[in-house]
Amino acid sequence: MVKKVDKPQTNHNAANAADPFRSLASKASYIVGTKWAFSLAVLIIIIWAVLGPHFHYSDTWQLVVNTAATIITFLIVFLIQNTQNRDARAIHLKLDEIIRAIELAHNEMIDIEKLSDEELEKMAATYERLRGEYESRSQRKEKRGAKPGATVEQKAGD
């Protein structure tokens, strides 16, 4: 049974316009993840390597690529982390909504990402124990001739 709830109205364009960093981070993360960005990076390295003999493989020649790579990496890490954090938050909210909407789901699973590591370990142990109990019940049913995971109706029809 699915519970009906009014959907919140969101304006994605207004949200991006209100936060230029989020917009920049999303676009930059998308761009640096394309094959064209990778191809450009490879081309720059090839050009740099070809120019090595011209500059006699000097310290300045090496410093140029090392400095550029360090600066670009430093900036890209923050942009990608921002995008990852936003994506993870959106996925958690979607999963929370699914859990909330399904009547038989365990609502205590909502927001478990905010629990401590110890609390998550206890919860994982509980679900591991439940899985073990299910498997042992399935094995007992198989020995009695029932199909594992079969419903009452399926067993009655056999």
C-alpha atoms as a PDB file:
ATOM      1  CA  MET A   1       0.000   0.000   0.000  1.00  0.00           C
ATOM      2  CA  VAL A   2       1.431   3.380  -0.970  1.00  0.00           C
ATOM      3  CA  LYS A   3       0.636   6.473   1.065  1.00  0.00           C
ATOM      4  CA  LYS A   4      -0.312   9.587  -0.921  1.00  0.00           C
ATOM      5  CA  VAL A   5       1.409  12.830   0.068  1.00  0.00           C
ATOM      6  CA  ASP A   6       1.423  16.250  -1.577  1.00  0.00           C
ATOM      7  CA  LYS A   7       4.606  16.742  -3.557  1.00  0.00           C
ATOM      8  CA  PRO A   8       6.721  19.777  -2.683  1.00  0.00           C
ATOM      9  CA  GLN A   9       7.108  22.171  -5.573  1.00  0.00           C
ATOM     10  CA  THR A  10      10.698  22.856  -6.621  1.00  0.00           C
ATOM     11  CA  ASN A  11      12.047  25.281  -9.168  1.00  0.00           C
ATOM     12  CA  HIS A  12      15.411  23.863 -10.271  1.00  0.00           C
ATOM     13  CA  ASN A  13      16.306  26.848 -12.471  1.00  0.00           C
ATOM     14  CA  ALA A  14      15.711  29.333  -9.651  1.00  0.00           C
ATOM     15  CA  ALA A  15      17.802  27.217  -7.260  1.00  0.00           C
ATOM     16  CA  ASN A  16      20.762  27.169  -9.662  1.00  0.00           C
ATOM     17  CA  ALA A  17      20.496  30.895 -10.344  1.00  0.00           C
ATOM     18  CA  ALA A  18      20.482  31.620  -6.606  1.00  0.00           C
ATOM     19  CA  ASP A  19      23.705  29.662  -6.074  1.00  0.00           C
ATOM     20  CA  PRO A  20      26.266  30.416  -8.794  1.00  0.00           C
ATOM     21  CA  PHE A  21      28.866  28.126  -7.186  1.00  0.00           C
ATOM     22  CA  ARG A  22      26.513  25.139  -7.412  1.00  0.00           C
ATOM     23  CA  SER A  23      25.862  25.944 -11.047  1.00  0.00           C
ATOM     24  CA  LEU A  24      29.588  26.341 -11.774  1.00  0.00           C
ATOM     25  CA  ALA A  25      30.438  23.150  -9.881  1.00  0.00           C
ATOM     26  CA  SER A  26      27.827  21.129 -11.762  1.00  0.00           C
ATOM     27  CA  LYS A  27      28.913  22.411 -15.168  1.00  0.00           C
ATOM     28  CA  ALA A  28      32.623  22.043 -14.394  1.00  0.00           C
ATOM     29  CA  SER A  29      32.164  18.490 -13.061  1.00  0.00           C
ATOM     30  CA  TYR A  30      30.255  17.563 -16.182  1.00  0.00           C
ATOM     31  CA  ILE A  31      32.829  19.144 -18.518  1.00  0.00           C
ATOM     32  CA  VAL A  32      35.924  17.619 -16.884  1.00  0.00           C
ATOM     33  CA  GLY A  33      34.243  14.218 -17.031  1.00  0.00           C
ATOM     34  CA  THR A  34      33.854  14.261 -20.811  1.00  0.00           C
ATOM     35  CA  LYS A  35      36.066  12.517 -23.342  1.00  0.00           C
ATOM     36  CA  TRP A  36      36.897  15.946 -24.788  1.00  0.00           C
ATOM     37  CA  ALA A  37      38.383  17.171 -21.512  1.00  0.00           C
ATOM     38  CA  PHE A  38      40.450  14.004 -21.243  1.00  0.00           C
ATOM     39  CA  SER A  39      41.580  14.389 -24.856  1.00  0.00           C
ATOM     40  CA  LEU A  40      42.564  18.003 -24.188  1.00  0.00           C
ATOM     41  CA  ALA A  41      44.598  16.953 -21.139  1.00  0.00           C
ATOM     42  CA  VAL A  42      46.407  14.287 -23.176  1.00  0.00           C
ATOM     43  CA  LEU A  43      47.088  16.814 -25.958  1.00  0.00           C
ATOM     44  CA  ILE A  44      48.539  19.320 -23.478  1.00  0.00           C
ATOM     45  CA  ILE A  45      50.854  16.652 -22.039  1.00  0.00           C
ATOM     46  CA  ILE A  46      51.961  15.624 -25.553  1.00  0.00           C
ATOM     47  CA  ILE A  47      52.697  19.260 -26.466  1.00  0.00           C
ATOM     48  CA  TRP A  48      54.582  19.713 -23.200  1.00  0.00           C
ATOM     49  CA  ALA A  49      56.641  16.557 -23.850  1.00  0.00           C
ATOM     50  CA  VAL A  50      57.400  17.584 -27.445  1.00  0.00           C
ATOM     51  CA  LEU A  51      58.609  20.981 -26.242  1.00  0.00           C
ATOM     52  CA  GLY A  52      61.019  19.326 -23.763  1.00  0.00           C
ATOM     53  CA  PRO A  53      64.015  19.185 -26.144  1.00  0.00           C
ATOM     54  CA  HIS A  54      63.404  22.791 -27.203  1.00  0.00           C
ATOM     55  CA  PHE A  55      63.683  23.925 -23.579  1.00  0.00           C
ATOM     56  CA  HIS A  56      66.517  21.418 -22.880  1.00  0.00           C
ATOM     57  CA  TYR A  57      64.332  19.666 -20.300  1.00  0.00           C
ATOM     58  CA  SER A  58      64.981  22.564 -17.931  1.00  0.00           C
ATOM     59  CA  ASP A  59      63.648  22.952 -14.421  1.00  0.00           C
ATOM     60  CA  THR A  60      61.286  25.662 -15.672  1.00  0.00           C
ATOM     61  CA  TRP A  61      59.908  23.288 -18.315  1.00  0.00           C
ATOM     62  CA  GLN A  62      59.173  20.699 -15.603  1.00  0.00           C
ATOM     63  CA  LEU A  63      57.867  23.312 -13.178  1.00  0.00           C
ATOM     64  CA  VAL A  64      55.269  24.562 -15.690  1.00  0.00           C
ATOM     65  CA  VAL A  65      53.475  21.231 -15.983  1.00  0.00           C
ATOM     66  CA  ASN A  66      53.854  20.365 -12.297  1.00  0.00           C
ATOM     67  CA  THR A  67      52.422  23.703 -11.169  1.00  0.00           C
ATOM     68  CA  ALA A  68      49.568  23.612 -13.672  1.00  0.00           C
ATOM     69  CA  ALA A  69      48.661  20.043 -12.747  1.00  0.00           C
ATOM     70  CA  THR A  70      48.732  20.833  -9.033  1.00  0.00           C
ATOM     71  CA  ILE A  71      46.531  23.923  -9.348  1.00  0.00           C
ATOM     72  CA  ILE A  72      44.014  22.229 -11.637  1.00  0.00           C
ATOM     73  CA  THR A  73      43.839  19.123  -9.429  1.00  0.00           C
ATOM     74  CA  PHE A  74      43.387  21.237  -6.312  1.00  0.00           C
ATOM     75  CA  LEU A  75      40.460  23.149  -7.807  1.00  0.00           C
ATOM     76  CA  ILE A  76      38.804  20.162  -9.459  1.00  0.00           C
ATOM     77  CA  VAL A  77      38.787  18.186  -6.194  1.00  0.00           C
ATOM     78  CA  PHE A  78      36.562  20.808  -4.555  1.00  0.00           C
ATOM     79  CA  LEU A  79      34.235  21.050  -7.544  1.00  0.00           C
ATOM     80  CA  ILE A  80      33.811  17.294  -7.777  1.00  0.00           C
ATOM     81  CA  GLN A  81      33.345  16.938  -4.008  1.00  0.00           C
ATOM     82  CA  ASN A  82      30.590  19.557  -4.097  1.00  0.00           C
ATOM     83  CA  THR A  83      28.809  17.659  -6.862  1.00  0.00           C
ATOM     84  CA  GLN A  84      29.263  14.312  -5.085  1.00  0.00           C
ATOM     85  CA  ASN A  85      27.858  15.723  -1.834  1.00  0.00           C
ATOM     86  CA  ARG A  86      24.802  17.121  -3.617  1.00  0.00           C
ATOM     87  CA  ASP A  87      24.214  13.872  -5.526  1.00  0.00           C
ATOM     88  CA  ALA A  88      24.531  11.783  -2.349  1.00  0.00           C
ATOM     89  CA  ARG A  89      22.106  14.088  -0.508  1.00  0.00           C
ATOM     90  CA  ALA A  90      19.575  13.805  -3.352  1.00  0.00           C
ATOM     91  CA  ILE A  91      19.868  10.004  -3.433  1.00  0.00           C
ATOM     92  CA  HIS A  92      19.368   9.791   0.345  1.00  0.00           C
ATOM     93  CA  LEU A  93      16.279  11.977   0.118  1.00  0.00           C
ATOM     94  CA  LYS A  94      14.854   9.837  -2.675  1.00  0.00           C
ATOM     95  CA  LEU A  95      15.485   6.654  -0.707  1.00  0.00           C
ATOM     96  CA  ASP A  96      13.976   8.226   2.417  1.00  0.00           C
ATOM     97  CA  GLU A  97      10.852   9.066   0.411  1.00  0.00           C
ATOM     98  CA  ILE A  98      10.595   5.501  -0.895  1.00  0.00           C
ATOM     99  CA  ILE A  99      10.980   4.090   2.621  1.00  0.00           C
ATOM    100  CA  ARG A 100       8.390   6.531   3.970  1.00  0.00           C
ATOM    101  CA  ALA A 101       5.925   5.795   1.171  1.00  0.00           C
ATOM    102  CA  ILE A 102       6.008   1.994   1.473  1.00  0.00           C
ATOM    103  CA  GLU A 103       3.829   0.944   4.373  1.00  0.00           C
ATOM    104  CA  LEU A 104       5.734  -2.245   5.231  1.00  0.00           C
ATOM    105  CA  ALA A 105       9.165  -0.588   5.103  1.00  0.00           C
ATOM    106  CA  HIS A 106      11.040   0.075   8.333  1.00  0.00           C
ATOM    107  CA  ASN A 107      10.789   3.843   8.820  1.00  0.00           C
ATOM    108  CA  GLU A 108      13.749   3.763  11.210  1.00  0.00           C
ATOM    109  CA  MET A 109      15.896   3.371   8.076  1.00  0.00           C
ATOM    110  CA  ILE A 110      15.166   7.009   7.159  1.00  0.00           C
ATOM    111  CA  ASP A 111      18.235   9.184   7.788  1.00  0.00           C
ATOM    112  CA  ILE A 112      20.462   6.284   8.893  1.00  0.00           C
ATOM    113  CA  GLU A 113      23.368   8.009   7.163  1.00  0.00           C
ATOM    114  CA  LYS A 114      23.383  10.371  10.169  1.00  0.00           C
ATOM    115  CA  LEU A 115      23.962   7.534  12.659  1.00  0.00           C
ATOM    116  CA  SER A 116      27.346   6.901  14.257  1.00  0.00           C
ATOM    117  CA  ASP A 117      29.569   4.116  12.944  1.00  0.00           C
ATOM    118  CA  GLU A 118      28.750   2.014  16.014  1.00  0.00           C
ATOM    119  CA  GLU A 119      25.003   2.421  15.458  1.00  0.00           C
ATOM    120  CA  LEU A 120      25.398   1.490  11.785  1.00  0.00           C
ATOM    121  CA  GLU A 121      27.406  -1.620  12.767  1.00  0.00           C
ATOM    122  CA  LYS A 122      24.633  -2.691  15.183  1.00  0.00           C
ATOM    123  CA  MET A 123      22.009  -2.161  12.479  1.00  0.00           C
ATOM    124  CA  ALA A 124      24.096  -4.098   9.942  1.00  0.00           C
ATOM    125  CA  ALA A 125      24.486  -6.962  12.440  1.00  0.00           C
ATOM    126  CA  THR A 126      20.714  -7.017  12.980  1.00  0.00           C
ATOM    127  CA  TYR A 127      20.020  -7.256   9.258  1.00  0.00           C
ATOM    128  CA  GLU A 128      22.766  -9.864   8.824  1.00  0.00           C
ATOM    129  CA  ARG A 129      21.095 -11.933  11.555  1.00  0.00           C
ATOM    130  CA  LEU A 130      17.710 -11.546   9.802  1.00  0.00           C
ATOM    131  CA  ARG A 131      19.248 -12.630   6.504  1.00  0.00           C
ATOM    132  CA  GLY A 132      20.757 -15.698   8.197  1.00  0.00           C
ATOM    133  CA  GLU A 133      17.395 -16.608   9.713  1.00  0.00           C
ATOM    134  CA  TYR A 134      15.720 -16.259   6.307  1.00  0.00           C
ATOM    135  CA  GLU A 135      18.343 -18.487   4.666  1.00  0.00           C
ATOM    136  CA  SER A 136      17.999 -21.180   7.338  1.00  0.00           C
ATOM    137  CA  ARG A 137      14.178 -21.115   6.969  1.00  0.00           C
ATOM    138  CA  SER A 138      14.587 -21.392   3.177  1.00  0.00           C
ATOM    139  CA  GLN A 139      16.905 -24.371   3.554  1.00  0.00           C
ATOM    140  CA  ARG A 140      14.440 -26.109   5.889  1.00  0.00           C
ATOM    141  CA  LYS A 141      11.636 -25.484   3.366  1.00  0.00           C
ATOM    142  CA  GLU A 142      13.764 -26.915   0.553  1.00  0.00           C
ATOM    143  CA  LYS A 143      14.323 -30.077   2.582  1.00  0.00           C
ATOM    144  CA  ARG A 144      10.546 -30.388   3.018  1.00  0.00           C
ATOM    145  CA  GLY A 145      10.066 -29.937  -0.748  1.00  0.00           C
ATOM    146  CA  ALA A 146       8.858 -26.334  -0.879  1.00  0.00           C
ATOM    147  CA  LYS A 147      10.475 -23.868  -3.244  1.00  0.00           C
ATOM    148  CA  PRO A 148      12.569 -21.191  -1.483  1.00  0.00           C
ATOM    149  CA  GLY A 149      10.787 -17.869  -1.413  1.00  0.00           C
ATOM    150  CA  ALA A 150       7.498 -19.422  -2.535  1.00  0.00           C
ATOM    151  CA  THR A 151       4.319 -17.745  -1.339  1.00  0.00           C
ATOM    152  CA  VAL A 152       1.489 -19.526   0.443  1.00  0.00           C
ATOM    153  CA  GLU A 153      -0.574 -19.451  -2.760  1.00  0.00           C
ATOM    154  CA  GLN A 154       2.267 -20.983  -4.784  1.00  0.00           C
ATOM    155  CA  LYS A 155       2.768 -23.739  -2.208  1.00  0.00           C
ATOM    156  CA  ALA A 156      -0.984 -24.491  -2.150  1.00  0.00           C
ATOM    157  CA  GLY A 157      -0.989 -24.754  -5.960  1.00  0.00           C
ATOM    158  CA  ASP A 158       1.848 -27.301  -5.995  1.00  0.00           C
END
